[in-house]
N, C-alpha and C. Protein backbone atom coordinates (compact mmCIF):
# COMPACT_ATOMS: atom_id res chain seq x y z
N MET A 1 -162.77 -88.45 17.54
CA MET A 1 -163.59 -88.88 18.66
C MET A 1 -164.88 -88.04 18.64
N LYS A 2 -165.98 -88.69 18.87
CA LYS A 2 -167.27 -88.01 18.88
C LYS A 2 -167.47 -87.25 20.20
N LYS A 3 -168.36 -86.26 20.16
CA LYS A 3 -168.63 -85.46 21.35
C LYS A 3 -169.11 -86.33 22.51
N GLN A 4 -169.99 -87.26 22.23
CA GLN A 4 -170.51 -88.15 23.28
C GLN A 4 -169.38 -88.96 23.92
N GLU A 5 -168.43 -89.39 23.12
CA GLU A 5 -167.29 -90.14 23.64
C GLU A 5 -166.40 -89.25 24.52
N LEU A 6 -166.21 -88.01 24.10
CA LEU A 6 -165.43 -87.06 24.90
C LEU A 6 -166.10 -86.79 26.24
N ILE A 7 -167.41 -86.65 26.23
CA ILE A 7 -168.14 -86.42 27.47
C ILE A 7 -167.99 -87.63 28.39
N HIS A 8 -168.05 -88.80 27.84
CA HIS A 8 -167.86 -90.02 28.63
C HIS A 8 -166.45 -90.07 29.22
N LEU A 9 -165.45 -89.80 28.39
CA LEU A 9 -164.06 -89.77 28.87
C LEU A 9 -163.88 -88.70 29.94
N HIS A 10 -164.50 -87.57 29.75
CA HIS A 10 -164.45 -86.48 30.72
C HIS A 10 -164.99 -86.96 32.08
N GLY A 11 -166.12 -87.65 32.04
CA GLY A 11 -166.70 -88.18 33.27
C GLY A 11 -165.81 -89.22 33.95
N LEU A 12 -165.19 -90.07 33.15
CA LEU A 12 -164.29 -91.08 33.70
C LEU A 12 -163.07 -90.43 34.35
N LEU A 13 -162.50 -89.43 33.70
CA LEU A 13 -161.35 -88.73 34.27
C LEU A 13 -161.71 -88.01 35.57
N ALA A 14 -162.91 -87.47 35.63
CA ALA A 14 -163.36 -86.82 36.86
C ALA A 14 -163.45 -87.85 37.99
N GLN A 15 -163.90 -89.05 37.68
CA GLN A 15 -163.96 -90.11 38.69
C GLN A 15 -162.56 -90.56 39.11
N VAL A 16 -161.65 -90.65 38.15
CA VAL A 16 -160.26 -91.01 38.47
C VAL A 16 -159.66 -89.95 39.39
N GLU A 17 -159.92 -88.70 39.10
CA GLU A 17 -159.41 -87.61 39.94
C GLU A 17 -159.95 -87.73 41.36
N ASN A 18 -161.23 -87.92 41.49
CA ASN A 18 -161.84 -88.05 42.82
C ASN A 18 -161.28 -89.24 43.58
N GLN A 19 -161.14 -90.37 42.91
CA GLN A 19 -160.60 -91.57 43.55
C GLN A 19 -159.15 -91.36 43.96
N TYR A 20 -158.37 -90.73 43.10
CA TYR A 20 -156.96 -90.46 43.41
C TYR A 20 -156.85 -89.56 44.64
N GLU A 21 -157.66 -88.52 44.69
CA GLU A 21 -157.62 -87.61 45.83
C GLU A 21 -158.03 -88.31 47.12
N MET A 22 -159.03 -89.18 47.05
CA MET A 22 -159.47 -89.91 48.23
C MET A 22 -158.40 -90.87 48.73
N GLU A 23 -157.76 -91.57 47.82
CA GLU A 23 -156.78 -92.59 48.21
C GLU A 23 -155.45 -92.00 48.68
N THR A 24 -155.04 -90.88 48.08
CA THR A 24 -153.73 -90.31 48.43
C THR A 24 -153.81 -89.18 49.43
N GLY A 25 -154.97 -88.56 49.53
CA GLY A 25 -155.10 -87.39 50.41
C GLY A 25 -154.48 -86.14 49.80
N CYS A 26 -154.04 -86.22 48.56
CA CYS A 26 -153.45 -85.09 47.85
C CYS A 26 -154.51 -84.47 46.94
N GLU A 27 -154.46 -83.16 46.84
CA GLU A 27 -155.43 -82.48 45.98
C GLU A 27 -154.81 -82.18 44.62
N VAL A 28 -155.51 -82.54 43.58
CA VAL A 28 -155.07 -82.28 42.21
C VAL A 28 -155.28 -80.81 41.91
N ASP A 29 -154.33 -80.20 41.19
CA ASP A 29 -154.44 -78.79 40.81
C ASP A 29 -155.61 -78.62 39.83
N HIS A 30 -156.60 -77.84 40.24
CA HIS A 30 -157.82 -77.66 39.44
C HIS A 30 -157.88 -76.32 38.71
N ASP A 31 -156.87 -75.47 38.86
CA ASP A 31 -156.97 -74.10 38.35
C ASP A 31 -157.30 -74.02 36.87
N GLU A 32 -156.52 -74.70 36.04
CA GLU A 32 -156.76 -74.64 34.59
C GLU A 32 -158.12 -75.26 34.24
N TYR A 33 -158.41 -76.40 34.86
CA TYR A 33 -159.68 -77.10 34.60
C TYR A 33 -160.87 -76.25 35.05
N THR A 34 -160.78 -75.69 36.24
CA THR A 34 -161.87 -74.87 36.78
C THR A 34 -162.11 -73.63 35.92
N ALA A 35 -161.03 -73.03 35.44
CA ALA A 35 -161.15 -71.82 34.62
C ALA A 35 -161.95 -72.06 33.34
N LEU A 36 -161.94 -73.29 32.86
CA LEU A 36 -162.68 -73.61 31.63
C LEU A 36 -164.19 -73.61 31.86
N GLY A 37 -164.62 -73.94 33.07
CA GLY A 37 -166.05 -73.94 33.38
C GLY A 37 -166.82 -75.04 32.68
N VAL A 38 -166.17 -76.14 32.36
CA VAL A 38 -166.82 -77.26 31.68
C VAL A 38 -166.75 -78.47 32.59
N ARG A 39 -167.88 -79.06 32.85
CA ARG A 39 -167.97 -80.26 33.68
C ARG A 39 -168.51 -81.41 32.82
N PRO A 40 -168.35 -82.63 33.27
CA PRO A 40 -168.87 -83.76 32.48
C PRO A 40 -170.37 -83.66 32.23
N THR A 41 -171.07 -82.99 33.10
CA THR A 41 -172.52 -82.84 32.94
C THR A 41 -172.90 -81.66 32.05
N SER A 42 -171.93 -80.91 31.57
CA SER A 42 -172.19 -79.74 30.71
C SER A 42 -172.36 -80.20 29.26
N ILE A 43 -173.43 -80.91 29.01
CA ILE A 43 -173.63 -81.50 27.68
C ILE A 43 -173.91 -80.45 26.60
N HIS A 44 -174.29 -79.25 27.01
CA HIS A 44 -174.56 -78.19 26.05
C HIS A 44 -173.27 -77.53 25.54
N LYS A 45 -172.14 -77.78 26.21
CA LYS A 45 -170.87 -77.21 25.79
C LYS A 45 -170.38 -77.92 24.53
N SER A 46 -169.51 -77.27 23.79
CA SER A 46 -169.05 -77.82 22.52
C SER A 46 -168.07 -78.97 22.70
N LYS A 47 -167.86 -79.68 21.62
CA LYS A 47 -166.90 -80.78 21.61
C LYS A 47 -165.51 -80.25 21.96
N THR A 48 -165.16 -79.10 21.42
CA THR A 48 -163.86 -78.49 21.69
C THR A 48 -163.72 -78.13 23.16
N ASP A 49 -164.78 -77.64 23.77
CA ASP A 49 -164.75 -77.31 25.20
C ASP A 49 -164.47 -78.56 26.04
N HIS A 50 -165.12 -79.66 25.71
CA HIS A 50 -164.91 -80.91 26.45
C HIS A 50 -163.49 -81.45 26.19
N LYS A 51 -163.01 -81.30 24.98
CA LYS A 51 -161.66 -81.75 24.66
C LYS A 51 -160.65 -80.97 25.50
N ASP A 52 -160.81 -79.65 25.57
CA ASP A 52 -159.92 -78.82 26.39
C ASP A 52 -159.99 -79.22 27.86
N ALA A 53 -161.19 -79.51 28.34
CA ALA A 53 -161.38 -79.91 29.73
C ALA A 53 -160.72 -81.25 30.01
N VAL A 54 -160.83 -82.19 29.08
CA VAL A 54 -160.20 -83.50 29.24
C VAL A 54 -158.68 -83.34 29.35
N PHE A 55 -158.11 -82.54 28.46
CA PHE A 55 -156.66 -82.33 28.50
C PHE A 55 -156.23 -81.63 29.78
N ALA A 56 -156.98 -80.64 30.24
CA ALA A 56 -156.64 -79.93 31.47
C ALA A 56 -156.75 -80.85 32.68
N LEU A 57 -157.77 -81.66 32.73
CA LEU A 57 -157.96 -82.59 33.84
C LEU A 57 -156.87 -83.66 33.84
N ALA A 58 -156.56 -84.20 32.69
CA ALA A 58 -155.50 -85.21 32.59
C ALA A 58 -154.16 -84.61 32.99
N LYS A 59 -153.91 -83.39 32.57
CA LYS A 59 -152.65 -82.71 32.93
C LYS A 59 -152.55 -82.52 34.44
N GLY A 60 -153.64 -82.11 35.07
CA GLY A 60 -153.64 -81.92 36.52
C GLY A 60 -153.40 -83.23 37.26
N ILE A 61 -154.03 -84.29 36.81
CA ILE A 61 -153.88 -85.60 37.46
C ILE A 61 -152.45 -86.11 37.31
N THR A 62 -151.93 -86.08 36.09
CA THR A 62 -150.59 -86.62 35.86
C THR A 62 -149.52 -85.77 36.53
N SER A 63 -149.71 -84.46 36.57
CA SER A 63 -148.74 -83.59 37.25
C SER A 63 -148.68 -83.93 38.74
N GLU A 64 -149.83 -84.15 39.34
CA GLU A 64 -149.87 -84.49 40.77
C GLU A 64 -149.23 -85.86 41.00
N MET A 65 -149.48 -86.80 40.11
CA MET A 65 -148.87 -88.12 40.25
C MET A 65 -147.35 -88.06 40.15
N GLU A 66 -146.85 -87.20 39.28
CA GLU A 66 -145.40 -87.05 39.14
C GLU A 66 -144.79 -86.52 40.43
N VAL A 67 -145.49 -85.61 41.09
CA VAL A 67 -144.99 -85.03 42.33
C VAL A 67 -145.04 -86.05 43.46
N GLU A 68 -146.12 -86.80 43.53
CA GLU A 68 -146.34 -87.73 44.64
C GLU A 68 -145.67 -89.09 44.49
N THR A 69 -145.33 -89.47 43.26
CA THR A 69 -144.72 -90.77 43.03
C THR A 69 -143.22 -90.62 42.97
N PRO A 70 -142.49 -91.34 43.80
CA PRO A 70 -141.04 -91.25 43.73
C PRO A 70 -140.54 -91.74 42.39
N GLU A 71 -139.44 -91.14 41.96
CA GLU A 71 -138.88 -91.54 40.66
C GLU A 71 -138.42 -92.99 40.73
N ARG A 72 -138.67 -93.67 39.68
CA ARG A 72 -138.30 -95.08 39.62
C ARG A 72 -136.99 -95.21 38.86
N VAL A 73 -136.15 -96.02 39.39
CA VAL A 73 -134.88 -96.29 38.74
C VAL A 73 -135.10 -97.43 37.76
N PRO A 74 -134.74 -97.23 36.48
CA PRO A 74 -134.95 -98.30 35.51
C PRO A 74 -134.13 -99.53 35.87
N ALA A 75 -134.70 -100.68 35.61
CA ALA A 75 -134.00 -101.94 35.89
C ALA A 75 -132.82 -102.07 34.92
N SER A 76 -131.73 -102.55 35.42
CA SER A 76 -130.55 -102.71 34.56
C SER A 76 -130.76 -103.88 33.59
N ALA A 77 -130.09 -103.82 32.49
CA ALA A 77 -130.25 -104.85 31.46
C ALA A 77 -129.13 -105.88 31.58
N ASP A 78 -128.87 -106.33 32.79
CA ASP A 78 -127.79 -107.31 33.01
C ASP A 78 -128.15 -108.65 32.47
């Protein structure tokens, strides 16, 4: 994936996070993401920095969703 594509994905994930927080009223854990100091607008940061930020942001979003979403029981194969 190119750096420009990672920056775009980073921006989209930031929007998903904001929308999720607005709709659920739950705050996503930002500690790991914030510690990186990389934002979607940080175009001077390296490709690796944006990749790490994307993974940290995705991890925070999915972790919060796991906590807030009740476990689903798989449908039986009757």
